[in-house]
Amino acid sequence: MEFLRRRAGVGILLLAAAGATAWADPEQPVRASPPVVLSPSRDSDIDTLITQLADPEPAVRLQAAQQLKSRGLSAKRALRKATESPRPAIAEAASALLNEIPYFEPTDPNSVKRALVNYGQLPTAERLKRLEKLLVSPNPAELTAQRRALLRVLADEASSEVAWIILPRLTPDASWAEAIASIDDGTASGSLLLFKARHLQQLGQQDPAMALMDRAVEHELREPSAPIANIYPAVTQLTLRDRNEHRYSHAAERLRALLQRMDDGMPLMDEIEESLLDLQARFGPLPGFQLDLTRATNPSGTRQAIATAAICARLGSGVGSLLLDRAIADRPNEAEGVRAGRLLNAGTMLAKIGRAEMAIDTLERASETSRDDANSEATVFAGRADLRLYDLYASRRVHLKAAQHLERAVNHLGTSFESVRPDGKRQGWAVAEINAMVQWQYFKHAEQQKDPAGMKDRAAQVLASGSVESSIYLDVFPTLE
């Protein structure tokens, strides 16, 4: 919430002295409280002063405001919380005070003081420009002080939007170590925790980085300050870690908590539902299964439908077959590109959940998509379906089909490309390796057919391909001796 805009430009002392009712709380009885002089640092003292901002006596309000202002940065966090007070007098007074307390400390270098003068009274766009000035300096020692000030300001920012805009732009490499050390993990916002986690990952400290990501996501789920898209990359990493550590229920609970924050149709909703249903389909049924199944009763995407079907099949429900048939059925007036992409996703998901025969049938239909335009979306999806089919047929030793689909993929995707295998790993292939693999699959088919002439011909083509794959050479070389 942008609290600073509510009272921008309002002078705290003028408001305090304006009369007996300026900040007086109308719901409180009119009675005077004696002004107090408090020790300079105790949190309980700051809370008392904040309460006095709604005192019916102007003198008490004035002194409380002056003392809070004198506390400077140490009072900012409590004042920020006070802006959400249900008592309007306290909320308005705290907002006005925040505008007047400077964001720099006496020990800050002049470059920081110049950048942060009147910072709290500026609109968001201008505040971002001021903070960007803290990211450059010809003096390394001063740059560290500026970065430390930047993180301190973001910790006290009234608008969470500022931190979420500026931090993702930065690369928190080793040069940030001294500044990042000032971040207090116990009180830091989700944006700062994720920034520190990225820094630890840059240093190769994966475990503490993941712990901070966990804390940041929990913080955002408890006290949301940003759209789901800002934390979803961290959620994706945490989900992968939980799967690797067999903590499937924990991963599902986190995804479910994200969905509870979302309304129908929001960006990423389908993707998060897919991830949750994928966990249930592959490792479930997990706790919360009934809720997840209810959410997917009318799935909006093919992959959700297939994941739901897999869950039903595991429970022995006939609903699974119905959902599978619906997910991969032809649809009237469906564009070629849309159809090919839908069938590619469906076939990939079916392969993941162990429905190999149905996956092959679905991917074959995607592969048959018209390829008149080499650059069309339909052609690209069909080529990717061919790669999936190559993997499936090769693993089942159906060598002729494997060779044919790899040839088709090469013809439409190019002779040097990177593909994503069904296990999620990326594989880069060069033209020599592709041609050698095609000819080797034909060689293995000839071997199955007990065709010596065919084997010799394909072996010669493998050797002519220029491939450096030794295992293939070792397999075909005896045929040529």
Protein backbone atom coordinates (compact mmCIF):
# COMPACT_ATOMS: atom_id res chain seq x y z
CA MET A 1 0.00 0.00 0.00
CA GLU A 2 1.24 3.44 -0.88
CA PHE A 3 0.97 5.13 2.51
CA LEU A 4 3.22 8.07 1.66
CA ARG A 5 0.79 9.40 -0.93
CA ARG A 6 -2.03 9.79 1.56
CA ARG A 7 -0.44 12.65 3.46
CA ALA A 8 2.28 13.86 1.11
CA GLY A 9 3.46 17.34 1.95
CA VAL A 10 1.61 17.56 5.27
CA GLY A 11 3.73 19.08 8.01
CA ILE A 12 3.68 17.09 11.21
CA LEU A 13 4.22 20.04 13.53
CA LEU A 14 1.55 22.15 11.85
CA LEU A 15 -0.95 19.34 12.20
CA ALA A 16 -0.03 18.75 15.81
CA ALA A 17 -0.43 22.40 16.74
CA ALA A 18 -3.51 23.09 14.65
CA GLY A 19 -5.97 22.59 17.49
CA ALA A 20 -7.26 20.23 20.12
CA THR A 21 -9.12 18.05 17.64
CA ALA A 22 -6.62 17.82 14.74
CA TRP A 23 -5.48 14.28 15.50
CA ALA A 24 -7.71 13.54 18.44
CA ASP A 25 -9.45 10.19 18.20
CA PRO A 26 -13.22 10.80 18.19
CA GLU A 27 -13.81 7.36 19.69
CA GLN A 28 -11.68 8.07 22.76
CA PRO A 29 -12.83 10.11 25.80
CA VAL A 30 -11.34 13.58 25.99
CA ARG A 31 -8.74 13.55 28.73
CA ALA A 32 -5.27 14.93 29.05
CA SER A 33 -2.17 12.74 29.32
CA PRO A 34 0.95 14.22 30.86
CA PRO A 35 3.82 14.62 28.42
CA VAL A 36 6.52 12.06 29.04
CA VAL A 37 10.26 12.01 28.51
CA LEU A 38 11.40 8.56 27.51
CA SER A 39 14.68 6.76 27.02
CA PRO A 40 15.85 6.97 23.40
CA SER A 41 15.72 3.39 22.16
CA ARG A 42 13.25 1.05 23.86
CA ASP A 43 10.51 -0.33 21.59
CA SER A 44 7.94 -0.04 24.38
CA ASP A 45 8.72 3.68 24.64
CA ILE A 46 8.18 4.11 20.89
CA ASP A 47 4.84 2.29 21.17
CA THR A 48 3.82 4.66 23.97
CA LEU A 49 4.73 7.70 21.89
CA ILE A 50 2.73 6.35 18.95
CA THR A 51 -0.30 5.92 21.19
CA GLN A 52 0.08 9.55 22.29
CA LEU A 53 -0.26 10.70 18.70
CA ALA A 54 -4.03 10.35 19.24
CA ASP A 55 -4.06 12.10 22.63
CA PRO A 56 -6.79 14.78 22.97
CA GLU A 57 -4.20 17.31 24.21
CA PRO A 58 -2.31 19.10 21.40
CA ALA A 59 0.76 19.55 23.60
CA VAL A 60 0.99 15.80 24.20
CA ARG A 61 0.61 15.03 20.49
CA LEU A 62 3.20 17.64 19.61
CA GLN A 63 5.79 16.31 22.07
CA ALA A 64 5.16 12.70 21.00
CA ALA A 65 5.64 13.68 17.34
CA GLN A 66 8.85 15.58 18.13
CA GLN A 67 10.31 12.67 20.08
CA LEU A 68 9.42 10.14 17.39
CA LYS A 69 10.97 12.37 14.78
CA SER A 70 14.14 12.65 16.88
CA ARG A 71 14.43 8.85 16.95
CA GLY A 72 14.94 8.92 13.19
CA LEU A 73 15.35 5.58 11.44
CA SER A 74 14.92 3.59 14.67
CA ALA A 75 11.26 4.68 14.81
CA LYS A 76 10.44 4.04 11.16
CA ARG A 77 9.45 0.38 11.43
CA ALA A 78 7.02 1.04 14.29
CA LEU A 79 5.58 4.05 12.46
CA ARG A 80 5.15 1.97 9.32
CA LYS A 81 3.11 -0.53 11.32
CA ALA A 82 1.15 2.33 12.89
CA THR A 83 -0.03 3.52 9.48
CA GLU A 84 -2.29 0.45 9.49
CA SER A 85 -3.75 1.28 12.91
CA PRO A 86 -7.57 1.01 13.13
CA ARG A 87 -7.49 4.38 14.90
CA PRO A 88 -7.50 7.01 12.12
CA ALA A 89 -5.72 9.61 14.26
CA ILE A 90 -2.71 7.34 14.77
CA ALA A 91 -2.64 6.11 11.16
CA GLU A 92 -2.69 9.64 9.72
CA ALA A 93 -0.14 11.00 12.16
CA ALA A 94 2.23 8.09 11.55
CA SER A 95 1.97 8.57 7.77
CA ALA A 96 2.78 12.26 8.07
CA LEU A 97 5.72 11.56 10.38
CA LEU A 98 7.20 9.04 7.98
CA ASN A 99 7.38 11.78 5.37
CA GLU A 100 9.46 13.97 7.67
CA ILE A 101 11.97 11.49 9.11
CA PRO A 102 15.03 11.42 6.80
CA TYR A 103 16.12 8.15 5.22
CA PHE A 104 19.82 8.81 5.71
CA GLU A 105 21.97 8.48 8.81
CA PRO A 106 24.47 11.06 10.10
CA THR A 107 27.36 8.70 9.24
CA ASP A 108 26.30 8.22 5.62
CA PRO A 109 28.57 9.71 2.94
CA ASN A 110 27.40 12.89 1.23
CA SER A 111 26.47 10.97 -1.93
CA VAL A 112 23.88 9.04 0.09
CA LYS A 113 22.55 12.15 1.83
CA ARG A 114 22.14 13.97 -1.47
CA ALA A 115 20.29 11.01 -3.03
CA LEU A 116 17.96 10.58 -0.05
CA VAL A 117 17.10 14.18 0.81
CA ASN A 118 13.27 14.49 0.95
CA TYR A 119 13.11 10.85 -0.27
CA GLY A 120 9.94 10.01 1.66
CA GLN A 121 7.99 12.87 0.04
CA LEU A 122 8.73 11.82 -3.56
CA PRO A 123 6.49 9.80 -5.91
CA THR A 124 7.49 6.23 -6.67
CA ALA A 125 9.11 6.97 -10.05
CA GLU A 126 11.35 9.66 -8.56
CA ARG A 127 12.28 7.47 -5.58
CA LEU A 128 13.44 4.77 -8.01
CA LYS A 129 15.65 7.32 -9.79
CA ARG A 130 17.17 8.39 -6.48
CA LEU A 131 17.93 4.79 -5.52
CA GLU A 132 19.55 4.13 -8.89
CA LYS A 133 22.06 6.87 -8.04
CA LEU A 134 23.22 4.70 -5.14
CA LEU A 135 24.30 1.96 -7.56
CA VAL A 136 27.17 3.89 -9.15
CA SER A 137 30.31 5.47 -7.69
CA PRO A 138 33.95 5.78 -8.78
CA ASN A 139 34.99 5.10 -5.18
CA PRO A 140 34.69 1.37 -4.21
CA ALA A 141 34.48 2.16 -0.48
CA GLU A 142 31.74 4.71 -1.08
CA LEU A 143 29.88 2.30 -3.38
CA THR A 144 29.67 -0.26 -0.56
CA ALA A 145 28.24 2.42 1.75
CA GLN A 146 25.74 3.40 -0.94
CA ARG A 147 24.64 -0.19 -1.45
CA ARG A 148 24.24 -0.65 2.28
CA ALA A 149 22.10 2.50 2.37
CA LEU A 150 20.05 1.22 -0.57
CA LEU A 151 19.19 -2.01 1.22
CA ARG A 152 18.45 -0.10 4.43
CA VAL A 153 16.05 2.21 2.60
CA LEU A 154 14.30 -0.72 0.91
CA ALA A 155 13.83 -2.33 4.32
CA ASP A 156 12.01 0.82 5.48
CA GLU A 157 10.19 1.61 2.23
CA ALA A 158 6.51 2.41 2.59
CA SER A 159 5.82 0.95 -0.85
CA SER A 160 6.81 -2.68 -1.35
CA GLU A 161 6.53 -1.98 -5.09
CA VAL A 162 9.84 -0.10 -5.03
CA ALA A 163 11.84 -3.06 -3.72
CA TRP A 164 10.16 -5.51 -6.10
CA ILE A 165 11.01 -3.25 -9.04
CA ILE A 166 14.65 -2.49 -8.26
CA LEU A 167 16.01 -5.68 -6.67
CA PRO A 168 15.32 -8.10 -9.57
CA ARG A 169 17.37 -5.78 -11.83
CA LEU A 170 20.51 -6.22 -9.72
CA THR A 171 23.12 -8.97 -9.86
CA PRO A 172 24.10 -9.69 -6.24
CA ASP A 173 27.57 -11.07 -6.92
CA ALA A 174 30.50 -11.27 -4.47
CA SER A 175 31.01 -7.49 -4.54
CA TRP A 176 27.69 -7.12 -2.70
CA ALA A 177 28.79 -9.30 0.23
CA GLU A 178 29.48 -6.50 2.73
CA ALA A 179 26.24 -4.64 1.95
CA ILE A 180 24.12 -7.82 1.99
CA ALA A 181 25.58 -8.79 5.37
CA SER A 182 23.55 -5.91 6.83
CA ILE A 183 20.24 -7.60 5.93
CA ASP A 184 18.54 -8.94 9.06
CA ASP A 185 17.04 -12.32 8.12
CA GLY A 186 14.60 -12.13 11.03
CA THR A 187 12.92 -8.87 10.00
CA ALA A 188 13.68 -8.56 6.28
CA SER A 189 10.89 -8.42 3.71
CA GLY A 190 10.33 -11.19 1.20
CA SER A 191 11.99 -9.16 -1.57
CA LEU A 192 15.18 -8.66 0.46
CA LEU A 193 15.29 -12.31 1.53
CA LEU A 194 15.06 -13.43 -2.09
CA PHE A 195 17.77 -10.94 -3.04
CA LYS A 196 20.07 -12.38 -0.36
CA ALA A 197 19.21 -15.90 -1.50
CA ARG A 198 20.28 -15.02 -5.05
CA HIS A 199 23.55 -13.68 -3.62
CA LEU A 200 24.21 -16.95 -1.77
CA GLN A 201 23.50 -18.91 -4.95
CA GLN A 202 26.03 -16.74 -6.79
CA LEU A 203 28.55 -17.81 -4.14
CA GLY A 204 27.61 -21.48 -4.53
CA GLN A 205 25.94 -21.70 -1.10
CA GLN A 206 22.86 -23.55 -2.29
CA ASP A 207 21.51 -24.90 1.01
CA PRO A 208 21.40 -21.59 2.92
CA ALA A 209 20.03 -19.93 -0.24
CA MET A 210 17.15 -22.42 -0.40
CA ALA A 211 16.46 -21.88 3.32
CA LEU A 212 16.12 -18.14 2.68
CA MET A 213 13.87 -18.77 -0.32
CA ASP A 214 11.68 -20.93 1.90
CA ARG A 215 11.46 -18.15 4.49
CA ALA A 216 10.78 -15.51 1.83
CA VAL A 217 7.92 -17.48 0.28
CA GLU A 218 6.41 -18.19 3.71
CA HIS A 219 6.68 -14.46 4.49
CA GLU A 220 4.89 -13.55 1.26
CA LEU A 221 2.17 -16.12 1.80
CA ARG A 222 1.62 -14.76 5.31
CA GLU A 223 1.96 -11.05 4.47
CA PRO A 224 1.56 -10.61 0.69
CA SER A 225 3.42 -7.63 -0.76
CA ALA A 226 3.78 -8.59 -4.42
CA PRO A 227 2.05 -10.47 -7.26
CA ILE A 228 2.51 -14.24 -7.32
CA ALA A 229 4.73 -13.86 -10.41
CA ASN A 230 7.43 -12.20 -8.26
CA ILE A 231 7.87 -15.24 -6.02
CA TYR A 232 6.95 -18.05 -8.42
CA PRO A 233 10.54 -18.61 -9.67
CA ALA A 234 11.56 -19.29 -6.07
CA VAL A 235 8.54 -21.56 -5.60
CA THR A 236 9.59 -23.53 -8.69
CA GLN A 237 13.08 -24.08 -7.25
CA LEU A 238 11.65 -25.10 -3.87
CA THR A 239 9.23 -27.54 -5.51
CA LEU A 240 12.08 -29.18 -7.42
CA ARG A 241 14.13 -29.47 -4.20
CA ASP A 242 11.18 -31.00 -2.33
CA ARG A 243 10.65 -33.52 -5.09
CA ASN A 244 14.31 -34.50 -5.04
CA GLU A 245 14.09 -34.94 -1.26
CA HIS A 246 10.78 -36.87 -1.53
CA ARG A 247 8.90 -34.14 0.36
CA TYR A 248 5.96 -34.28 -2.00
CA SER A 249 3.28 -33.28 0.51
CA HIS A 250 5.28 -30.22 1.56
CA ALA A 251 5.62 -29.10 -2.06
CA ALA A 252 1.89 -29.64 -2.64
CA GLU A 253 0.96 -27.58 0.43
CA ARG A 254 3.00 -24.63 -0.81
CA LEU A 255 1.43 -24.74 -4.27
CA ARG A 256 -2.02 -25.02 -2.70
CA ALA A 257 -1.32 -21.95 -0.56
CA LEU A 258 -0.41 -20.00 -3.71
CA LEU A 259 -3.66 -21.00 -5.38
CA GLN A 260 -5.66 -19.87 -2.35
CA ARG A 261 -4.31 -16.35 -2.97
CA MET A 262 -5.46 -16.34 -6.58
CA ASP A 263 -8.73 -15.63 -8.36
CA ASP A 264 -9.88 -17.57 -11.41
CA GLY A 265 -8.12 -16.55 -14.59
CA MET A 266 -5.11 -14.92 -12.93
CA PRO A 267 -1.73 -15.31 -14.69
CA LEU A 268 0.19 -18.48 -13.70
CA MET A 269 -2.91 -20.11 -12.21
CA ASP A 270 -3.02 -22.87 -14.83
CA GLU A 271 0.72 -23.49 -14.47
CA ILE A 272 0.50 -23.78 -10.67
CA GLU A 273 -2.49 -26.11 -10.94
CA GLU A 274 -0.56 -28.23 -13.42
CA SER A 275 2.36 -28.51 -11.00
CA LEU A 276 0.07 -29.50 -8.15
CA LEU A 277 -1.82 -32.08 -10.19
CA ASP A 278 1.47 -33.42 -11.56
CA LEU A 279 2.60 -34.08 -7.96
CA GLN A 280 -0.67 -35.91 -7.23
CA ALA A 281 -0.48 -37.89 -10.47
CA ARG A 282 3.12 -39.02 -10.08
CA PHE A 283 3.54 -39.34 -6.30
CA GLY A 284 0.01 -39.32 -4.84
CA PRO A 285 -2.55 -39.53 -3.68
CA LEU A 286 -1.11 -36.94 -1.26
CA PRO A 287 -2.89 -35.15 1.61
CA GLY A 288 -5.31 -32.62 0.15
CA PHE A 289 -6.14 -34.94 -2.72
CA GLN A 290 -9.91 -34.35 -2.52
CA LEU A 291 -9.43 -30.58 -2.65
CA ASP A 292 -7.09 -30.83 -5.61
CA LEU A 293 -9.43 -33.17 -7.45
CA THR A 294 -12.36 -30.84 -6.82
CA ARG A 295 -10.33 -27.93 -8.19
CA ALA A 296 -9.66 -29.93 -11.36
CA THR A 297 -13.23 -31.18 -11.87
CA ASN A 298 -13.50 -28.96 -14.95
CA PRO A 299 -9.86 -28.63 -15.96
CA SER A 300 -9.03 -25.72 -18.24
CA GLY A 301 -5.97 -27.31 -19.82
CA THR A 302 -5.05 -30.62 -21.39
CA ARG A 303 -2.25 -31.34 -18.93
CA GLN A 304 -4.54 -30.73 -15.95
CA ALA A 305 -7.05 -33.16 -17.42
CA ILE A 306 -4.42 -35.85 -17.93
CA ALA A 307 -2.96 -35.40 -14.46
CA THR A 308 -6.44 -35.65 -12.97
CA ALA A 309 -7.08 -38.75 -15.04
CA ALA A 310 -3.90 -40.32 -13.73
CA ILE A 311 -5.03 -39.72 -10.16
CA CYS A 312 -8.40 -41.29 -10.89
CA ALA A 313 -6.77 -44.27 -12.59
CA ARG A 314 -4.56 -44.83 -9.56
CA LEU A 315 -7.67 -44.95 -7.39
CA GLY A 316 -9.39 -47.33 -9.80
CA SER A 317 -11.97 -44.78 -10.90
CA GLY A 318 -13.51 -44.96 -14.35
CA VAL A 319 -13.52 -41.15 -14.46
CA GLY A 320 -9.85 -41.35 -15.46
CA SER A 321 -10.53 -42.97 -18.83
CA LEU A 322 -13.28 -40.46 -19.57
CA LEU A 323 -10.98 -37.51 -18.85
CA LEU A 324 -8.18 -38.99 -20.92
CA ASP A 325 -10.43 -39.51 -23.90
CA ARG A 326 -11.77 -35.97 -23.60
CA ALA A 327 -8.27 -34.48 -23.33
CA ILE A 328 -6.93 -36.03 -26.52
CA ALA A 329 -10.09 -36.08 -28.64
CA ASP A 330 -10.22 -34.06 -31.87
CA ARG A 331 -12.06 -30.76 -31.56
CA PRO A 332 -14.08 -29.09 -34.33
CA ASN A 333 -12.67 -25.97 -35.95
CA GLU A 334 -9.41 -26.22 -33.98
CA ALA A 335 -6.46 -24.45 -35.61
CA GLU A 336 -3.58 -26.68 -36.72
CA GLY A 337 -1.06 -25.00 -34.40
CA VAL A 338 -3.38 -25.20 -31.40
CA ARG A 339 -4.16 -28.86 -32.10
CA ALA A 340 -0.49 -29.81 -32.53
CA GLY A 341 0.51 -28.00 -29.33
CA ARG A 342 -2.34 -29.57 -27.34
CA LEU A 343 -1.51 -33.08 -28.53
CA LEU A 344 2.22 -32.52 -27.91
CA ASN A 345 1.50 -31.48 -24.30
CA ALA A 346 -0.90 -34.38 -23.86
CA GLY A 347 1.51 -36.95 -25.26
CA THR A 348 4.38 -35.63 -23.14
CA MET A 349 2.26 -35.80 -19.99
CA LEU A 350 1.03 -39.30 -20.83
CA ALA A 351 4.64 -40.47 -21.24
CA LYS A 352 5.53 -38.96 -17.85
CA ILE A 353 2.79 -40.85 -16.03
CA GLY A 354 3.65 -44.16 -17.68
CA ARG A 355 0.88 -44.38 -20.29
CA ALA A 356 3.35 -45.11 -23.11
CA GLU A 357 0.92 -46.64 -25.62
CA MET A 358 -1.53 -43.76 -25.35
CA ALA A 359 1.38 -41.29 -25.43
CA ILE A 360 2.67 -42.77 -28.70
CA ASP A 361 -0.79 -42.67 -30.30
CA THR A 362 -1.29 -39.03 -29.24
CA LEU A 363 2.16 -37.89 -30.36
CA GLU A 364 1.71 -39.66 -33.72
CA ARG A 365 -1.38 -37.53 -34.28
CA ALA A 366 0.61 -34.41 -33.42
CA SER A 367 3.37 -35.51 -35.80
CA GLU A 368 0.87 -35.86 -38.66
CA THR A 369 0.01 -32.15 -38.49
CA SER A 370 0.33 -30.28 -41.81
CA ARG A 371 3.85 -28.94 -42.33
CA ASP A 372 3.36 -26.79 -45.41
CA ASP A 373 4.86 -23.74 -43.71
CA ALA A 374 8.30 -24.59 -42.29
CA ASN A 375 8.16 -21.67 -39.86
CA SER A 376 4.64 -22.19 -38.59
CA GLU A 377 3.78 -23.03 -35.00
CA ALA A 378 2.17 -26.27 -36.14
CA THR A 379 5.40 -27.39 -37.87
CA VAL A 380 7.48 -26.65 -34.78
CA PHE A 381 5.11 -28.58 -32.52
CA ALA A 382 5.00 -31.50 -34.97
CA GLY A 383 8.81 -31.59 -35.05
CA ARG A 384 8.94 -31.68 -31.25
CA ALA A 385 6.41 -34.50 -31.25
CA ASP A 386 8.77 -36.41 -33.57
CA LEU A 387 11.58 -35.99 -31.04
CA ARG A 388 9.37 -37.35 -28.25
CA LEU A 389 8.43 -40.29 -30.48
CA TYR A 390 12.09 -40.94 -31.29
CA ASP A 391 12.80 -41.25 -27.56
CA LEU A 392 9.83 -43.53 -26.95
CA TYR A 393 10.49 -45.81 -29.92
CA ALA A 394 14.25 -45.97 -29.29
CA SER A 395 13.67 -46.97 -25.65
CA ARG A 396 11.37 -49.77 -26.86
CA ARG A 397 13.88 -50.84 -29.57
CA VAL A 398 11.45 -50.06 -32.37
CA HIS A 399 14.38 -48.88 -34.47
CA LEU A 400 12.65 -48.24 -37.79
CA LYS A 401 10.10 -45.89 -36.21
CA ALA A 402 12.82 -44.20 -34.16
CA ALA A 403 14.87 -43.51 -37.30
CA GLN A 404 11.89 -42.23 -39.28
CA HIS A 405 10.77 -39.78 -36.61
CA LEU A 406 14.26 -38.45 -35.99
CA GLU A 407 14.60 -37.82 -39.74
CA ARG A 408 11.26 -36.00 -39.75
CA ALA A 409 12.31 -33.88 -36.77
CA VAL A 410 15.57 -32.90 -38.46
CA ASN A 411 13.77 -31.98 -41.68
CA HIS A 412 11.52 -29.52 -39.88
CA LEU A 413 13.56 -28.29 -36.92
CA GLY A 414 16.93 -27.96 -38.64
CA THR A 415 20.17 -29.89 -38.54
CA SER A 416 21.60 -28.38 -35.37
CA PHE A 417 19.31 -27.76 -32.46
CA GLU A 418 18.75 -28.17 -28.74
CA SER A 419 15.93 -30.35 -27.53
CA VAL A 420 14.38 -30.95 -24.13
CA ARG A 421 14.18 -34.66 -23.38
CA PRO A 422 11.22 -36.19 -21.50
CA ASP A 423 13.33 -36.30 -18.32
CA GLY A 424 13.69 -32.49 -18.48
CA LYS A 425 17.35 -32.51 -19.52
CA ARG A 426 18.49 -30.42 -22.48
CA GLN A 427 20.45 -32.11 -25.23
CA GLY A 428 22.26 -30.31 -28.01
CA TRP A 429 22.79 -32.22 -31.25
CA ALA A 430 25.01 -31.30 -34.20
CA VAL A 431 24.41 -32.41 -37.77
CA ALA A 432 27.00 -35.21 -37.74
CA GLU A 433 25.61 -36.78 -34.57
CA ILE A 434 22.03 -36.55 -35.84
CA ASN A 435 22.83 -38.21 -39.15
CA ALA A 436 24.88 -40.89 -37.43
CA MET A 437 22.04 -41.61 -34.99
CA VAL A 438 19.51 -41.89 -37.82
CA GLN A 439 21.71 -44.30 -39.76
CA TRP A 440 22.51 -46.31 -36.63
CA GLN A 441 18.77 -46.77 -35.91
CA TYR A 442 18.34 -48.02 -39.48
CA PHE A 443 21.36 -50.30 -38.93
CA LYS A 444 19.74 -51.76 -35.80
CA HIS A 445 16.49 -52.31 -37.71
CA ALA A 446 18.36 -54.20 -40.44
CA GLU A 447 20.03 -56.25 -37.72
CA GLN A 448 16.60 -57.14 -36.31
CA GLN A 449 15.46 -58.13 -39.79
CA LYS A 450 18.61 -60.23 -40.29
CA ASP A 451 19.49 -58.21 -43.41
CA PRO A 452 23.33 -58.28 -43.81
CA ALA A 453 23.32 -56.11 -46.92
CA GLY A 454 21.19 -53.49 -45.21
CA MET A 455 23.44 -53.58 -42.15
CA LYS A 456 26.56 -53.07 -44.26
CA ASP A 457 25.01 -50.16 -46.15
CA ARG A 458 23.88 -48.38 -42.97
CA ALA A 459 27.23 -49.04 -41.24
CA ALA A 460 29.04 -47.32 -44.12
CA GLN A 461 26.72 -44.31 -43.82
CA VAL A 462 27.41 -44.10 -40.08
CA LEU A 463 31.15 -43.96 -40.76
CA ALA A 464 30.62 -41.34 -43.49
CA SER A 465 28.60 -39.08 -41.19
CA GLY A 466 31.65 -37.69 -39.38
CA SER A 467 30.20 -38.41 -35.96
CA VAL A 468 32.52 -38.68 -32.98
CA GLU A 469 30.20 -40.99 -31.05
CA SER A 470 32.48 -43.92 -30.24
CA SER A 471 29.76 -46.30 -29.03
CA ILE A 472 28.05 -46.20 -32.43
CA TYR A 473 31.35 -46.84 -34.29
CA LEU A 474 32.13 -49.79 -32.07
CA ASP A 475 28.70 -51.27 -32.80
CA VAL A 476 28.80 -50.96 -36.60
CA PHE A 477 32.53 -51.41 -37.33
CA PRO A 478 32.58 -55.25 -37.16
CA THR A 479 30.00 -55.31 -39.98
CA LEU A 480 32.52 -53.67 -42.32
CA GLU A 481 35.42 -55.98 -41.57
